[in-house]
Every structure is written in C-alpha cells, then in structure tokens.
C-alpha cells in the first residue's frame, strides 16, 4: 500500500484553481470539516503523507483491492482485448467510499469532533460514513435520499448495524426538509439531503460532515484506488489503452483517473454517466451551487442546475446534479472523454457479467462495464488493454436487479449503440 496520497490539484496551475474556486472561503468551512481535511483540500503538493495509524486502518478494511482480468467476459465477447476490473466491491462496506470516509473520521476524532452528520444517495456514502464513524468512535446521523431509503432497505440496515441513525430525506426533522416536503418534493435528491445536513450542523457544536464526493479532498483520499491500479498494472506488465469509471459526484472517478492521467499521459480516459443524469455530456460548464437551496458557495463545474430534480433510477449513486470541479475541468479541456449510456443497456451488461463470472456489481458500475464492452467491440480484432473501475458490490441492490429482470425478462443483451452521447 502506498504511504502517500496523490493530489489531483497538483495537476492544475494555481491560476486555474483560483478561477474554479473564486467564491469559496475555506476558512469558513470549519463547521463542516476537520481543519486537517480542509488543509488537504487546499494543498497543491504533489503527494501528501498518510499517517501510520490511518494506513493500518486502511489495511484492516481491505486495502489494497485487487485488479483482475475478466477472462470469461473476454471469451464471450470474442475479443482480443484484455479487460481488467479494479475490484472496489470487495471492501467490507461494499464500495470504494470507505477510502475517503476513513481519513475524514480519523482527522475529526483527532481534533475532538464527537459526531458525524452526512448525506447519502444510493447509500454507499452513508454506509462508509457509518463504518468510519464506528471505527473512529464518533456518533453518526445520516440523511438518505428518500427514494433510495425506500428502495434500498438493506443499505439502510447496514448503516444501522454500524450504529448510525438514518432519516429519509426530505425529512420532517429539519427546517430545510420540511420546506421541500411542503413543496411536494418527496422523492429527494443529494442536494436536498445536503441542505438538511447543513441545517443540523449549523446548530450542533462538535459535529462534522463526511463528504462523499465532489470536493477535492475526497478525490485526494480516493487516489489510493488509482495508485494501486498503476502499481498493479506495472506488476502485470500492462500499459492501459483505455481507463473507464462512472461519475456521480466524481470522487471514485477522480481518485481512479488522476493517478492514471499522470502515469499514462497517452491513455484514453473515459468518464461514464447515465443519459437520465447527463451532467458531463449535457450540463453547462459554469458556476453553480453544490446544495439544493443555493446556500453554499458556487463552484465552477459541469451542472444541470442546483434546482434539477433527478428521476428515480436503479443507479441512484449517479443522481447528482453536478460533477467534481477537477473532473469537470479535465472534460472541458478534452483530456477526459465523457459518455452517457442508457440504464437498461447498463443493467443488461451487469447481468451478463453476473452470469459469466458470478460477479454482481453495483448498478452504478454497470455503466462502466457497458462502456468497457463497447470499447472492446470498437477495437475489432485489435488487442487493447481496457481498465474498468468497479466502484461497489451489487448484493445490496438485488431488489433493483430483480425488478429490472422482471420488467425486461424477455430482452436479450442490447446490440452496440450507434450513437452514444459523447463529450470530450
């Protein structure tokens, strides 16, 4: 395991960062995040040391995660391409999110914080925050997007097993939640849940938030994913032609992609999203608010608008109106390519992998898998190395898979899309 994180901000000039974050006031964020976390989020150092105690906690939860060949999928496709999967689904909380949640809770406990209040969509951030809080000895309260709260009860139960109190959002426990309920916005969104978290933390001394995505320090802490991938590829003697990850807020993709951008400057890097939430492929690159009421400082990023209310979908971890400013900037300059795919095709790809290799991945990761399949098909007879990030396990999403199979039982795997939505 690396003893240092890779800092994605180090790839940007100070002038670029000043433009993106010109409205932010880091000194005012202490009510949300530990001081050390804020300092990491402002650093432009190329690498940052990981404390020994935190490295031990990473090892205890299962880092590093393996990089494996999807050989059965390759045979089924009849391709000469190698398809490699980075297996974040094997972590005990079921996703990559613990990689960022652990240091946030670690530094919070060191600074005397006593509780965590956070937001979650599909539940992956919530489960990771609950586990990280438990390990660090902090109380934990979670506002979970109501559609996911109702559709993903096992994720909620896992949070509760780790000791967290979970509210459906919008809830009647905060003023912000009550305002959204009065407007008839019952299904919720990450932005709405964030507004509820802000409400609670403003009046809770000693509390802190665990950010799941978007913010630069979440990409920094998640960089262990990409650093491990680079080391594993080098050990296997592989130089990737294509690296692919899905994007909701962008922390898994950024943590995976930025070390690869640095190590393999000629590789094609692809960010994949849903056509239902086409932030990178159809959003506007401009300043927007990260929360649902316009309370936070605006940031320059691709966004569908802070008042965008996403549809209900299986891959609810992708239901965020904006994408990481650093990821957005790389898409804007064309270094990262953005593609959007249909959820039905993505879920079919997930079922295909499950039936070929017994690997049930999260609905969010099925988009990445579909993109990897498309890249292999586009290669024809050429031999290319494709690396795809599996952000989480799908075992707690089996109800979603079950509903999908019930709705699409007669469908076969979809043929290649003629015109995928692409930006970059």
Foldseek 3Di string as FASTA:
>chain_A
DDQKFFFLLLVDDPVVVCVQCVQADLVPCVLAFFPVLSVSLPDNDGIGGDDPVLVVVCVVQPPPFDKDWLVLVCVVLVFLATEIEGCQCPGPLFFLQLLQLQVRLQSLLVVQFAAEEEEEELLSNLLSNLQSCLVSNHAYEYEYQQLNVVQQVVSVVSSVVSPYHYHYPLDPPFPLSVVCVVVVNRRGARQSRVVRSVRVSVPDPRYYYRDRAQGSSLLRSLLSSQVVVVVNCVVVVHQAQEEEEEFQQANNLSSNVSSNCVVRVNHAYEYEAAPQQQQLQPFDQQWADQHQPRPHGTGGWRFPHSVDATDDDQQRSNRGGTYHRSVRVCLVVPSHKYWHDHLLLLLLQQVVSCVRPVARAGSRQSRQSSVQSLVSVVCPHDYGYYYYYRGGGCPSSVSVSVVSCVVQVPDHNDDDDPDIRMGD
